[in-house]
Amino acid sequence: MYLLTIKDGLVTRHIGPYSTPKHASDDLDRALSSCSDRARWQIHALESPRRRSFADRMQERSESFSVAAS
């Protein structure tokens, strides 16, 4: 799932979710029509939350350190 984020001055709008980044991109013109010319946008991939144990996090850390050391 993907989310379109538009920042226009101090206002941030989140639009979506979309099933693909192409769908978010296709909707971009419609979403920007109500914004100023200086508005910035991004398409973000949404991640599913998952419950992780402390051991899982430590395992991921040790794997990232071993890859960086290689």
C-alpha atoms as a PDB file:
ATOM      1  CA  MET A   1       0.000   0.000   0.000  1.00  0.00           C
ATOM      2  CA  TYR A   2       1.163   3.528  -0.743  1.00  0.00           C
ATOM      3  CA  LEU A   3       0.350   6.953   0.669  1.00  0.00           C
ATOM      4  CA  LEU A   4       0.627  10.315  -1.103  1.00  0.00           C
ATOM      5  CA  THR A   5       1.930  13.077   1.192  1.00  0.00           C
ATOM      6  CA  ILE A   6       1.647  16.725   0.132  1.00  0.00           C
ATOM      7  CA  LYS A   7       3.246  19.552   2.111  1.00  0.00           C
ATOM      8  CA  ASP A   8       1.976  23.024   1.271  1.00  0.00           C
ATOM      9  CA  GLY A   9       3.397  25.620   3.634  1.00  0.00           C
ATOM     10  CA  LEU A  10       2.493  24.558   7.158  1.00  0.00           C
ATOM     11  CA  VAL A  11      -0.223  22.146   5.987  1.00  0.00           C
ATOM     12  CA  THR A  12       0.525  18.450   5.410  1.00  0.00           C
ATOM     13  CA  ARG A  13      -2.072  16.268   3.708  1.00  0.00           C
ATOM     14  CA  HIS A  14      -1.998  12.478   3.521  1.00  0.00           C
ATOM     15  CA  ILE A  15      -4.039  10.957   0.699  1.00  0.00           C
ATOM     16  CA  GLY A  16      -4.608   7.287   0.067  1.00  0.00           C
ATOM     17  CA  PRO A  17      -3.981   4.447   0.510  1.00  0.00           C
ATOM     18  CA  TYR A  18      -3.250   3.347  -3.049  1.00  0.00           C
ATOM     19  CA  SER A  19      -2.488  -0.189  -4.162  1.00  0.00           C
ATOM     20  CA  THR A  20       0.463   0.836  -6.371  1.00  0.00           C
ATOM     21  CA  PRO A  21       2.710   3.893  -6.709  1.00  0.00           C
ATOM     22  CA  LYS A  22       1.292   4.311 -10.236  1.00  0.00           C
ATOM     23  CA  HIS A  23      -2.210   4.832  -8.801  1.00  0.00           C
ATOM     24  CA  ALA A  24      -0.856   7.464  -6.393  1.00  0.00           C
ATOM     25  CA  SER A  25       0.984   9.155  -9.252  1.00  0.00           C
ATOM     26  CA  ASP A  26      -2.144   9.150 -11.415  1.00  0.00           C
ATOM     27  CA  ASP A  27      -4.053  10.946  -8.625  1.00  0.00           C
ATOM     28  CA  LEU A  28      -1.296  13.519  -8.087  1.00  0.00           C
ATOM     29  CA  ASP A  29      -2.627  16.126 -10.551  1.00  0.00           C
ATOM     30  CA  ARG A  30      -6.041  16.106  -8.907  1.00  0.00           C
ATOM     31  CA  ALA A  31      -4.518  16.426  -5.448  1.00  0.00           C
ATOM     32  CA  LEU A  32      -2.161  19.252  -6.463  1.00  0.00           C
ATOM     33  CA  SER A  33      -4.940  21.260  -8.119  1.00  0.00           C
ATOM     34  CA  SER A  34      -5.951  22.653  -4.717  1.00  0.00           C
ATOM     35  CA  CYS A  35      -2.365  23.464  -3.626  1.00  0.00           C
ATOM     36  CA  SER A  36       0.026  26.340  -4.240  1.00  0.00           C
ATOM     37  CA  ASP A  37       2.822  26.173  -6.826  1.00  0.00           C
ATOM     38  CA  ARG A  38       5.364  25.602  -4.039  1.00  0.00           C
ATOM     39  CA  ALA A  39       3.757  22.430  -2.702  1.00  0.00           C
ATOM     40  CA  ARG A  40       6.035  19.414  -2.329  1.00  0.00           C
ATOM     41  CA  TRP A  41       4.935  15.805  -2.572  1.00  0.00           C
ATOM     42  CA  GLN A  42       6.177  12.273  -1.889  1.00  0.00           C
ATOM     43  CA  ILE A  43       4.816   8.783  -2.325  1.00  0.00           C
ATOM     44  CA  HIS A  44       5.513   6.552   0.686  1.00  0.00           C
ATOM     45  CA  ALA A  45       5.285   2.779   0.936  1.00  0.00           C
ATOM     46  CA  LEU A  46       3.254   1.778   3.971  1.00  0.00           C
ATOM     47  CA  GLU A  47       4.657  -1.009   6.097  1.00  0.00           C
ATOM     48  CA  SER A  48       2.566  -3.482   8.027  1.00  0.00           C
ATOM     49  CA  PRO A  49       3.196  -3.180  11.735  1.00  0.00           C
ATOM     50  CA  ARG A  50       4.563  -6.315  13.282  1.00  0.00           C
ATOM     51  CA  ARG A  51       5.326  -7.257  16.801  1.00  0.00           C
ATOM     52  CA  ARG A  52       9.011  -7.832  17.313  1.00  0.00           C
ATOM     53  CA  SER A  53      10.700  -9.224  20.353  1.00  0.00           C
ATOM     54  CA  PHE A  54      13.885  -7.821  21.817  1.00  0.00           C
ATOM     55  CA  ALA A  55      15.735 -10.895  20.511  1.00  0.00           C
ATOM     56  CA  ASP A  56      14.508 -10.179  16.951  1.00  0.00           C
ATOM     57  CA  ARG A  57      15.805  -6.608  17.121  1.00  0.00           C
ATOM     58  CA  MET A  58      19.182  -7.724  18.472  1.00  0.00           C
ATOM     59  CA  GLN A  59      19.467 -10.334  15.697  1.00  0.00           C
ATOM     60  CA  GLU A  60      18.785  -7.677  13.042  1.00  0.00           C
ATOM     61  CA  ARG A  61      21.410  -5.403  14.588  1.00  0.00           C
ATOM     62  CA  SER A  62      24.057  -8.118  14.638  1.00  0.00           C
ATOM     63  CA  GLU A  63      23.309  -8.968  11.001  1.00  0.00           C
ATOM     64  CA  SER A  64      23.620  -5.325   9.923  1.00  0.00           C
ATOM     65  CA  PHE A  65      26.936  -4.970  11.806  1.00  0.00           C
ATOM     66  CA  SER A  66      28.357  -8.111  10.194  1.00  0.00           C
ATOM     67  CA  VAL A  67      27.375  -6.861   6.706  1.00  0.00           C
ATOM     68  CA  ALA A  68      28.935  -3.447   7.401  1.00  0.00           C
ATOM     69  CA  ALA A  69      32.150  -5.054   8.631  1.00  0.00           C
ATOM     70  CA  SER A  70      32.524  -7.118   5.428  1.00  0.00           C
END
